[in-house]
N, C-alpha and C. Protein backbone atom coordinates (compact mmCIF):
# COMPACT_ATOMS: atom_id res chain seq x y z
N MET A 1 138.40 52.99 85.84
CA MET A 1 137.65 54.00 85.15
C MET A 1 136.69 53.68 84.52
N ARG A 2 135.57 54.34 85.31
CA ARG A 2 134.10 54.35 84.52
C ARG A 2 133.72 55.70 83.70
N SER A 3 132.81 55.36 82.62
CA SER A 3 132.13 56.45 81.74
C SER A 3 131.13 57.53 82.48
N SER A 4 130.43 56.78 83.75
CA SER A 4 129.53 57.56 84.68
C SER A 4 129.66 57.23 85.99
N VAL A 5 129.93 58.75 86.82
CA VAL A 5 130.57 59.02 88.09
C VAL A 5 128.72 59.75 88.67
N THR A 6 128.24 59.20 89.48
CA THR A 6 127.25 59.96 90.40
C THR A 6 127.72 61.36 91.02
N VAL A 7 126.86 62.39 91.12
CA VAL A 7 127.18 63.82 91.73
C VAL A 7 127.33 63.51 93.24
N ALA A 8 126.77 62.26 93.65
CA ALA A 8 126.97 61.69 95.24
C ALA A 8 128.67 61.64 95.12
N GLU A 9 128.87 60.65 94.58
CA GLU A 9 130.32 59.73 94.48
C GLU A 9 131.17 61.35 94.45
N LYS A 10 130.80 61.73 93.32
CA LYS A 10 131.94 63.28 93.15
C LYS A 10 131.47 64.00 94.04
N LYS A 11 130.89 64.34 94.93
CA LYS A 11 130.75 65.10 95.97
C LYS A 11 131.58 64.54 96.82
N GLY A 12 131.13 63.56 97.85
CA GLY A 12 132.26 62.53 98.55
C GLY A 12 134.01 62.87 98.38
N PHE A 13 133.91 62.30 97.22
CA PHE A 13 135.49 62.34 96.99
C PHE A 13 136.07 63.46 97.33
N ILE A 14 135.56 65.04 96.92
CA ILE A 14 135.74 66.10 97.00
C ILE A 14 136.52 66.63 98.32
N HIS A 15 135.21 66.12 99.20
CA HIS A 15 135.19 66.44 100.47
C HIS A 15 136.30 65.72 100.58
N TRP A 16 136.54 64.30 100.86
CA TRP A 16 137.53 63.59 101.41
C TRP A 16 138.63 64.37 101.16
N PHE A 17 138.99 64.25 99.52
CA PHE A 17 139.97 64.85 99.02
C PHE A 17 140.33 66.29 100.08
N LEU A 18 139.58 67.18 100.13
CA LEU A 18 140.46 68.36 100.97
C LEU A 18 140.40 68.14 101.97
N GLU A 19 139.81 67.31 103.10
CA GLU A 19 140.09 66.53 104.69
C GLU A 19 141.58 66.21 104.41
N HIS A 20 142.15 64.90 102.98
CA HIS A 20 143.37 64.89 103.62
C HIS A 20 144.55 65.21 103.06
N PHE A 21 144.02 66.51 102.09
CA PHE A 21 145.17 66.86 101.09
C PHE A 21 144.99 68.77 101.27
N GLU A 22 146.79 69.30 101.03
CA GLU A 22 146.60 70.79 101.06
C GLU A 22 147.23 71.21 99.43
N LEU A 23 146.46 71.72 98.83
CA LEU A 23 146.45 72.17 97.67
C LEU A 23 147.66 73.05 97.86
N GLN A 24 147.95 73.55 96.85
CA GLN A 24 149.08 74.32 96.33
C GLN A 24 148.45 76.17 96.22
N LYS A 25 147.72 75.99 95.96
CA LYS A 25 146.98 77.30 95.71
C LYS A 25 145.08 77.02 96.43
N LYS A 26 145.26 78.17 97.65
CA LYS A 26 144.22 77.45 98.84
C LYS A 26 143.30 78.04 98.12
N GLU A 27 143.24 78.42 97.21
CA GLU A 27 141.70 79.67 96.29
C GLU A 27 141.25 78.21 95.54
N ALA A 28 142.01 77.14 95.16
CA ALA A 28 141.26 75.87 94.63
C ALA A 28 140.51 75.28 95.46
N ALA A 29 141.00 75.11 96.74
CA ALA A 29 140.29 74.48 97.52
C ALA A 29 138.43 75.21 97.92
N TRP A 30 138.41 76.83 97.27
CA TRP A 30 137.54 77.17 96.97
C TRP A 30 136.64 76.90 96.55
N LEU A 31 137.49 76.67 95.27
CA LEU A 31 136.38 76.16 93.95
C LEU A 31 136.00 74.70 93.99
N LEU A 32 136.49 74.23 94.37
CA LEU A 32 136.12 72.61 94.30
C LEU A 32 134.85 72.67 95.68
N ASN A 33 134.93 73.08 96.60
CA ASN A 33 133.57 73.72 97.68
C ASN A 33 132.73 74.00 96.94
N TYR A 34 132.76 75.15 96.25
CA TYR A 34 132.00 75.93 94.57
C TYR A 34 131.00 74.61 94.12
N LEU A 35 131.99 74.15 93.26
CA LEU A 35 131.53 72.99 92.40
C LEU A 35 130.52 72.25 93.86
N CYS A 36 130.64 71.24 94.88
CA CYS A 36 130.16 70.86 95.53
C CYS A 36 128.85 71.06 95.84
N SER A 37 128.92 72.55 95.79
CA SER A 37 127.70 73.21 96.45
C SER A 37 126.56 73.15 94.95
N ASN A 38 127.10 72.89 94.10
CA ASN A 38 126.16 72.93 92.79
C ASN A 38 125.88 71.73 92.11
N GLU A 39 125.26 70.79 92.13
CA GLU A 39 124.43 69.44 91.81
C GLU A 39 124.95 69.94 90.04
N GLU A 40 124.46 70.97 89.64
CA GLU A 40 123.87 71.46 88.41
C GLU A 40 125.76 71.03 88.01
N LEU A 41 126.04 72.15 88.44
CA LEU A 41 127.73 71.35 87.90
C LEU A 41 128.65 70.58 87.88
N LEU A 42 128.30 69.93 89.54
CA LEU A 42 128.75 68.40 89.46
C LEU A 42 128.90 68.13 88.96
N GLN A 43 127.36 67.48 88.28
CA GLN A 43 126.74 66.60 86.75
C GLN A 43 128.15 66.60 85.81
N ARG A 44 128.79 68.08 85.28
CA ARG A 44 129.16 68.59 84.63
C ARG A 44 130.59 68.48 84.75
N VAL A 45 131.37 67.49 86.10
CA VAL A 45 132.73 67.83 86.36
C VAL A 45 132.80 66.40 86.00
N HIS A 46 134.34 66.19 85.44
CA HIS A 46 134.74 65.22 85.16
C HIS A 46 136.13 64.84 85.42
N PHE A 47 136.34 63.51 86.68
CA PHE A 47 137.93 63.59 87.02
C PHE A 47 138.65 63.02 85.55
N VAL A 48 139.41 63.16 85.34
CA VAL A 48 140.50 62.03 84.27
C VAL A 48 141.51 62.31 84.79
N ASN A 49 142.59 61.50 84.16
CA ASN A 49 143.72 61.08 84.63
C ASN A 49 144.84 62.39 83.49
N HIS A 50 144.49 62.32 82.42
CA HIS A 50 145.25 63.48 81.43
C HIS A 50 143.86 64.36 81.10
N VAL A 51 144.46 65.80 81.10
CA VAL A 51 143.31 66.62 80.82
C VAL A 51 143.75 66.95 78.94
N ARG A 52 145.21 66.80 78.19
CA ARG A 52 145.10 67.44 77.33
C ARG A 52 143.98 66.94 76.33
N HIS A 53 144.25 68.28 75.40
CA HIS A 53 143.15 68.06 74.16
C HIS A 53 141.66 68.09 74.66
N LEU A 54 141.66 68.69 75.60
CA LEU A 54 140.10 68.99 76.22
C LEU A 54 139.76 70.33 75.90
N SER A 55 138.52 70.91 75.60
CA SER A 55 138.18 72.23 75.28
C SER A 55 138.26 72.64 77.02
N LYS A 56 137.89 72.42 77.70
CA LYS A 56 137.74 72.94 79.11
C LYS A 56 138.23 71.88 79.97
N SER A 57 139.34 72.48 81.08
CA SER A 57 140.24 71.81 81.94
C SER A 57 141.15 72.40 82.80
N MET A 58 140.96 71.82 84.12
CA MET A 58 141.74 72.22 85.21
C MET A 58 142.70 70.99 85.64
N ILE A 59 143.93 71.28 86.07
CA ILE A 59 145.00 70.85 86.79
C ILE A 59 144.90 71.39 87.87
N ILE A 60 144.59 70.83 89.22
CA ILE A 60 144.87 71.24 90.58
C ILE A 60 145.73 70.32 91.41
N SER A 61 146.93 70.78 92.07
CA SER A 61 148.31 69.78 92.59
C SER A 61 148.07 70.39 94.35
N THR A 62 148.52 69.09 94.58
CA THR A 62 148.71 69.50 96.26
C THR A 62 149.96 69.56 96.70
N LYS A 63 150.26 69.91 97.64
CA LYS A 63 151.27 70.32 97.96
C LYS A 63 152.91 69.25 98.12
N CYS A 64 151.96 67.82 98.42
CA CYS A 64 152.77 66.79 97.53
C CYS A 64 153.41 66.69 96.52
N SER A 65 152.68 67.27 95.64
CA SER A 65 153.45 67.11 94.53
C SER A 65 153.99 68.30 93.82
N SER A 66 154.66 67.86 92.88
CA SER A 66 155.64 68.56 91.96
C SER A 66 155.13 69.43 90.69
N MET A 67 153.82 68.67 90.75
CA MET A 67 153.14 69.39 89.18
C MET A 67 152.37 71.08 89.68
N ILE A 68 152.31 71.68 88.49
CA ILE A 68 152.21 72.99 88.91
C ILE A 68 150.77 73.47 89.52
N PRO A 69 150.51 74.25 90.24
CA PRO A 69 149.48 74.69 91.08
C PRO A 69 148.43 73.99 90.43
N PHE A 70 147.96 75.43 90.08
CA PHE A 70 146.59 75.36 89.07
C PHE A 70 146.87 75.50 87.70
N ARG A 71 146.25 75.08 87.25
CA ARG A 71 146.31 75.65 85.46
C ARG A 71 144.50 75.45 85.39
N PHE A 72 143.71 76.37 84.50
CA PHE A 72 142.83 76.13 83.64
C PHE A 72 143.01 76.79 82.39
N THR A 73 142.47 75.84 82.13
CA THR A 73 142.18 75.48 80.30
C THR A 73 141.18 75.71 79.54
N LYS A 74 140.90 76.75 78.60
CA LYS A 74 139.33 76.78 77.93
C LYS A 74 139.68 76.71 76.40
N ASN A 75 139.61 76.39 75.33
CA ASN A 75 140.03 76.73 74.02
C ASN A 75 141.15 76.77 73.44
N LYS A 76 141.93 76.39 74.43
CA LYS A 76 143.74 76.00 73.96
C LYS A 76 144.06 77.38 74.93
N ARG A 77 143.05 78.13 75.28
CA ARG A 77 143.30 79.71 76.42
C ARG A 77 143.88 78.97 77.88
N VAL A 78 145.30 79.20 78.20
CA VAL A 78 145.69 78.77 79.72
C VAL A 78 145.80 80.15 80.31
N GLY A 79 145.43 79.77 81.66
CA GLY A 79 145.28 80.76 82.58
C GLY A 79 146.01 79.82 84.37
N THR A 80 146.12 80.35 85.24
CA THR A 80 146.51 80.25 86.28
C THR A 80 146.04 80.79 87.59
N ASP A 81 144.69 81.96 87.29
CA ASP A 81 144.18 82.62 87.90
C ASP A 81 143.27 81.99 88.45
N VAL A 82 142.62 81.15 89.70
CA VAL A 82 141.80 80.47 90.16
C VAL A 82 139.92 81.52 89.95
N GLU A 83 140.30 82.62 90.17
CA GLU A 83 139.16 83.47 90.13
C GLU A 83 138.90 83.89 88.68
N SER A 84 139.60 83.29 87.69
CA SER A 84 138.73 83.67 86.45
C SER A 84 138.57 82.15 85.75
N ALA A 85 138.75 81.12 86.46
CA ALA A 85 138.35 79.99 86.47
C ALA A 85 137.17 79.99 86.65
N PHE A 86 137.09 80.02 88.12
CA PHE A 86 135.49 80.11 88.87
C PHE A 86 134.58 81.33 87.95
N TYR A 87 134.76 82.17 87.32
CA TYR A 87 134.11 82.89 87.03
C TYR A 87 133.32 82.61 85.19
N ASP A 88 134.24 81.78 84.83
CA ASP A 88 134.09 80.83 83.79
C ASP A 88 133.79 80.23 83.93
N ILE A 89 133.73 79.46 85.13
CA ILE A 89 132.79 77.91 85.36
C ILE A 89 131.08 78.83 85.71
N ARG A 90 131.18 79.97 86.44
CA ARG A 90 129.68 80.24 86.81
C ARG A 90 129.39 81.06 85.59
N THR A 91 129.65 81.31 84.46
CA THR A 91 128.69 82.08 83.57
C THR A 91 128.67 80.64 82.61
N TYR A 92 129.16 79.64 82.27
CA TYR A 92 128.88 78.82 81.45
C TYR A 92 128.64 77.55 82.31
N PRO A 93 127.81 76.86 83.15
CA PRO A 93 127.63 76.12 83.63
C PRO A 93 127.27 74.93 82.78
N HIS A 94 126.68 75.09 81.57
CA HIS A 94 126.40 74.57 80.78
C HIS A 94 127.79 73.51 80.08
N GLU A 95 128.82 73.95 80.45
CA GLU A 95 129.85 72.97 79.75
C GLU A 95 130.45 72.63 80.92
N ASP A 96 130.99 71.08 79.97
CA ASP A 96 131.76 70.24 80.73
C ASP A 96 133.10 70.41 81.15
N LEU A 97 133.22 70.08 82.29
CA LEU A 97 134.89 70.93 82.77
C LEU A 97 135.50 69.25 83.68
N TYR A 98 136.99 69.41 82.61
CA TYR A 98 137.53 67.95 83.20
C TYR A 98 138.56 68.70 83.99
N ILE A 99 138.81 68.02 85.39
CA ILE A 99 139.77 67.78 86.27
C ILE A 99 140.73 67.13 86.55
N GLY A 100 142.34 67.18 86.47
CA GLY A 100 143.09 66.41 86.61
C GLY A 100 143.55 66.86 88.21
N LEU A 101 143.71 65.84 89.01
CA LEU A 101 143.70 65.72 90.35
C LEU A 101 145.40 65.61 90.65
N TYR A 102 146.06 66.07 90.89
CA TYR A 102 148.01 65.19 91.49
C TYR A 102 148.35 65.45 92.54
N PHE A 103 148.40 64.62 93.30
CA PHE A 103 148.69 64.29 94.66
C PHE A 103 149.31 63.07 95.14
N LYS A 104 150.00 63.40 95.55
CA LYS A 104 151.04 61.72 96.69
C LYS A 104 150.20 60.55 95.97
N GLU A 105 150.51 59.67 95.10
CA GLU A 105 149.96 58.03 95.08
C GLU A 105 148.86 58.31 94.57
N ARG A 106 148.24 59.18 93.87
CA ARG A 106 147.03 59.16 93.29
C ARG A 106 146.92 58.04 92.05
N SER A 107 148.47 57.30 91.57
CA SER A 107 147.76 56.08 90.69
C SER A 107 147.34 54.84 91.70
N THR A 108 147.65 54.50 92.86
CA THR A 108 147.40 53.64 93.76
C THR A 108 146.01 53.92 94.87
N CYS A 109 145.45 54.89 94.88
CA CYS A 109 144.37 55.75 95.32
C CYS A 109 143.03 55.30 95.13
N SER A 110 142.67 54.37 95.79
CA SER A 110 141.27 53.40 95.19
C SER A 110 139.90 54.63 95.24
N LYS A 111 140.24 55.80 95.89
CA LYS A 111 138.70 56.77 96.18
C LYS A 111 139.07 57.18 94.96
N TYR A 112 139.96 57.96 94.46
CA TYR A 112 140.49 58.71 93.37
C TYR A 112 139.84 57.81 91.84
N ALA A 113 140.25 56.63 91.87
CA ALA A 113 139.96 55.55 90.94
C ALA A 113 138.38 55.38 90.65
N ALA A 114 137.78 55.47 91.90
CA ALA A 114 136.02 55.20 91.76
C ALA A 114 135.40 56.92 91.16
N VAL A 115 136.18 57.75 91.23
CA VAL A 115 135.94 59.09 90.24
C VAL A 115 136.17 59.24 89.12
N LEU A 116 136.91 58.62 88.88
CA LEU A 116 138.13 58.56 87.11
C LEU A 116 137.12 58.53 86.20
N GLU A 117 137.37 58.97 85.16
CA GLU A 117 136.61 59.03 84.11
C GLU A 117 136.85 58.57 82.92
N VAL A 118 136.24 57.85 81.75
CA VAL A 118 137.52 58.33 80.87
C VAL A 118 136.99 59.50 80.08
N ASN A 119 138.75 60.28 79.67
CA ASN A 119 139.08 61.28 78.74
C ASN A 119 138.54 60.70 77.07
N PRO A 120 137.31 61.08 76.65
CA PRO A 120 137.15 61.15 75.34
C PRO A 120 138.48 60.98 74.26
N MET A 121 139.14 62.52 74.69
CA MET A 121 140.31 62.13 73.79
C MET A 121 141.47 61.34 74.10
N GLU A 122 141.09 60.26 75.22
CA GLU A 122 142.10 59.22 75.53
C GLU A 122 141.88 58.34 74.50
N LYS A 123 140.43 58.12 74.54
CA LYS A 123 140.26 57.23 73.41
C LYS A 123 141.24 57.47 71.48
N HIS A 124 140.44 58.38 71.68
CA HIS A 124 140.74 59.01 70.28
C HIS A 124 142.69 58.72 70.18
N ASP A 125 143.72 58.87 71.15
CA ASP A 125 144.64 59.24 71.51
C ASP A 125 145.13 57.55 70.99
N LEU A 126 144.86 56.62 71.73
CA LEU A 126 144.99 55.82 72.31
C LEU A 126 145.30 54.75 70.86
N VAL A 127 143.57 55.10 69.67
CA VAL A 127 143.50 54.83 68.68
C VAL A 127 145.08 55.12 67.87
N GLN A 128 145.14 56.47 67.84
CA GLN A 128 146.13 56.96 66.44
C GLN A 128 146.82 56.53 67.20
N ASP A 129 147.65 56.00 68.40
CA ASP A 129 148.75 55.32 68.31
C ASP A 129 149.43 54.15 68.37
N GLN A 130 147.65 53.43 68.57
CA GLN A 130 148.35 52.09 67.99
C GLN A 130 148.50 52.21 66.51
N LEU A 131 147.65 53.03 65.88
CA LEU A 131 147.53 52.76 64.37
C LEU A 131 149.12 53.89 64.49
N LEU A 132 149.99 54.43 64.60
CA LEU A 132 150.99 55.11 64.47
C LEU A 132 152.21 53.97 64.64
N SER A 133 152.33 52.96 65.55
CA SER A 133 153.00 51.71 66.09
C SER A 133 152.51 51.04 64.76
N LEU A 134 151.51 50.95 64.24
CA LEU A 134 151.44 49.76 63.03
C LEU A 134 152.01 49.97 61.87
N PHE A 135 152.23 51.84 61.20
CA PHE A 135 152.43 51.89 60.74
C PHE A 135 154.05 51.95 60.75
N ALA A 136 154.69 52.40 61.68
CA ALA A 136 156.29 52.34 62.11
C ALA A 136 156.85 50.92 62.39
N GLU A 137 155.87 49.85 62.49
CA GLU A 137 156.59 48.70 62.39
C GLU A 137 156.55 48.14 60.92
N MET A 138 155.51 48.59 59.92
CA MET A 138 155.16 47.93 58.47
C MET A 138 156.30 48.91 58.16
N LEU A 139 156.58 49.96 58.34
CA LEU A 139 157.97 50.37 57.65
C LEU A 139 159.34 50.24 58.04
N LEU A 140 158.70 49.83 59.10
CA LEU A 140 160.24 48.80 59.85
C LEU A 140 160.51 47.63 59.04
N ASP A 141 159.26 46.75 59.15
CA ASP A 141 159.57 45.56 57.68
C ASP A 141 159.99 45.44 56.43
N GLN A 142 159.50 46.98 55.73
CA GLN A 142 159.70 46.86 54.79
C GLN A 142 161.35 47.63 54.55
N ALA A 143 161.77 48.01 55.40
CA ALA A 143 162.97 48.28 55.10
C ALA A 143 164.04 47.65 55.71
N VAL A 144 163.48 46.51 56.66
CA VAL A 144 164.40 45.27 56.75
C VAL A 144 164.71 44.12 55.78
N ARG A 145 163.63 44.28 54.60
CA ARG A 145 163.26 43.37 53.63
C ARG A 145 163.84 43.87 52.52
N GLU A 146 163.86 45.06 52.18
CA GLU A 146 164.95 45.60 51.34
C GLU A 146 166.31 45.69 51.59
N PHE A 147 166.54 45.60 52.74
CA PHE A 147 168.07 45.54 53.07
C PHE A 147 168.33 44.22 52.64
N GLU A 148 167.89 43.02 52.90
CA GLU A 148 167.56 41.66 53.02
C GLU A 148 168.01 41.51 51.48
N LYS A 149 167.39 42.04 50.57
CA LYS A 149 167.05 41.62 49.16
C LYS A 149 168.28 42.54 48.67
N LYS A 150 169.10 44.22 48.95
CA LYS A 150 170.22 44.16 49.11
C LYS A 150 171.33 43.09 49.03
N ARG A 151 171.61 43.06 50.24
CA ARG A 151 172.32 41.77 50.54
C ARG A 151 172.30 40.90 49.74
N LEU A 152 171.30 40.34 49.40
CA LEU A 152 171.22 39.30 48.75
C LEU A 152 171.95 39.07 47.41
N TYR A 153 171.38 40.34 46.73
CA TYR A 153 171.66 40.70 45.62
C TYR A 153 173.14 40.85 45.16
N GLU A 154 173.58 41.26 46.60
CA GLU A 154 174.92 41.54 46.32
C GLU A 154 175.94 40.50 46.37
N LYS A 155 175.30 39.72 47.01
CA LYS A 155 175.71 37.86 47.24
C LYS A 155 176.15 37.56 46.01
N ILE A 156 174.77 37.45 45.07
CA ILE A 156 174.69 36.86 43.67
C ILE A 156 175.45 37.39 42.85
N ASP A 157 175.66 38.75 43.17
CA ASP A 157 177.06 39.27 42.17
C ASP A 157 178.48 38.65 42.47
N ASP A 158 178.30 38.57 43.85
CA ASP A 158 179.95 37.66 44.16
C ASP A 158 179.83 36.43 44.05
N ALA A 159 178.90 35.55 43.82
CA ALA A 159 179.29 34.66 43.68
C ALA A 159 179.37 34.17 41.73
N LEU A 160 178.55 35.33 41.02
CA LEU A 160 178.57 35.49 39.56
C LEU A 160 179.95 35.60 39.26
N ALA A 161 180.78 36.80 40.19
CA ALA A 161 182.27 37.30 40.13
C ALA A 161 183.53 35.85 40.36
N ASN A 162 182.53 34.99 41.41
CA ASN A 162 183.85 34.05 41.60
C ASN A 162 183.32 32.91 40.60
N ARG A 163 182.50 32.97 40.08
CA ARG A 163 182.09 31.43 38.87
C ARG A 163 181.75 30.28 40.19
N ASP A 164 181.33 30.95 41.28
CA ASP A 164 180.73 29.76 41.88
C ASP A 164 179.04 29.48 41.77
N GLU A 165 179.48 28.74 41.00
CA GLU A 165 177.92 27.84 40.48
C GLU A 165 176.79 27.64 41.58
N GLU A 166 177.48 26.64 42.48
CA GLU A 166 176.37 26.06 42.98
C GLU A 166 175.99 27.22 44.21
N THR A 167 176.56 28.14 44.81
CA THR A 167 176.21 29.47 45.78
C THR A 167 175.24 30.80 44.80
N PHE A 168 175.39 30.00 43.54
CA PHE A 168 174.72 31.00 42.26
C PHE A 168 173.75 31.02 42.71
N LEU A 169 173.21 29.04 42.21
CA LEU A 169 171.87 28.66 42.50
C LEU A 169 171.64 28.89 43.96
N GLN A 170 171.88 28.60 44.84
CA GLN A 170 171.12 28.65 45.62
C GLN A 170 170.72 29.95 46.12
N LEU A 171 171.19 30.81 45.84
CA LEU A 171 171.07 32.55 46.19
C LEU A 171 169.81 32.82 45.15
N SER A 172 170.24 32.32 44.20
CA SER A 172 169.16 32.61 43.13
C SER A 172 167.77 31.76 43.30
N GLU A 173 167.64 30.97 43.78
CA GLU A 173 166.34 30.39 44.65
C GLU A 173 165.12 30.83 45.41
N LYS A 174 166.70 31.86 46.39
CA LYS A 174 166.45 32.33 47.78
C LYS A 174 165.49 33.70 46.85
N TRP A 175 166.13 33.88 45.87
CA TRP A 175 165.87 35.52 45.14
C TRP A 175 164.55 35.34 44.95
N ARG A 176 164.23 34.04 44.38
CA ARG A 176 163.09 34.17 43.26
C ARG A 176 161.87 34.00 44.12
N GLU A 177 161.97 33.21 45.55
CA GLU A 177 161.14 32.67 46.88
C GLU A 177 161.04 34.42 46.99
N ILE A 178 161.81 35.19 47.38
CA ILE A 178 161.50 36.79 47.98
C ILE A 178 160.75 37.78 47.02
N LEU A 179 160.81 37.59 45.53
CA LEU A 179 160.07 38.14 44.54
C LEU A 179 158.91 37.30 44.25
N GLU A 180 158.36 36.38 44.50
CA GLU A 180 157.12 35.50 44.70
C GLU A 180 156.09 35.67 46.00
N LYS A 181 156.76 36.43 46.95
CA LYS A 181 156.16 37.14 48.13
C LYS A 181 155.85 38.25 47.71
């Protein structure tokens, strides 16, 4: 994945894509051709793996994919009409458009990988996921420590109840070590 892809690379990829795949919604092919015909629009087009959390995005699927045929999202409004998407793209050509294409073997397609760009929100999601994972790990570690302390405390109580001085002294030493940490 790259951060910037040239207009020529995007145009070449779209032509290749349309030659090799049949879209579930034929109108989406017309929309992709329209994007190819306008270099200024194509500069604002970004192919990404995931379109979630993006202000303006499209999902386009081929017949060999089980994904939804077409979806256009703008500012959390979702639609499945290609003409509405075309109207919005034509009316607001200065806005970035993120496109997620779904087709057979897309994860291993070198031509698709060559035009993939980094979704700006994926970076944010990755950092957030890592922070949540770290927080969950810290909570788990704390829960394990609390459980071990409770179990050790119970063993100390049992040693006292059984008047087992040797076990009591060993366990008391472990208790002091835990408290010092």
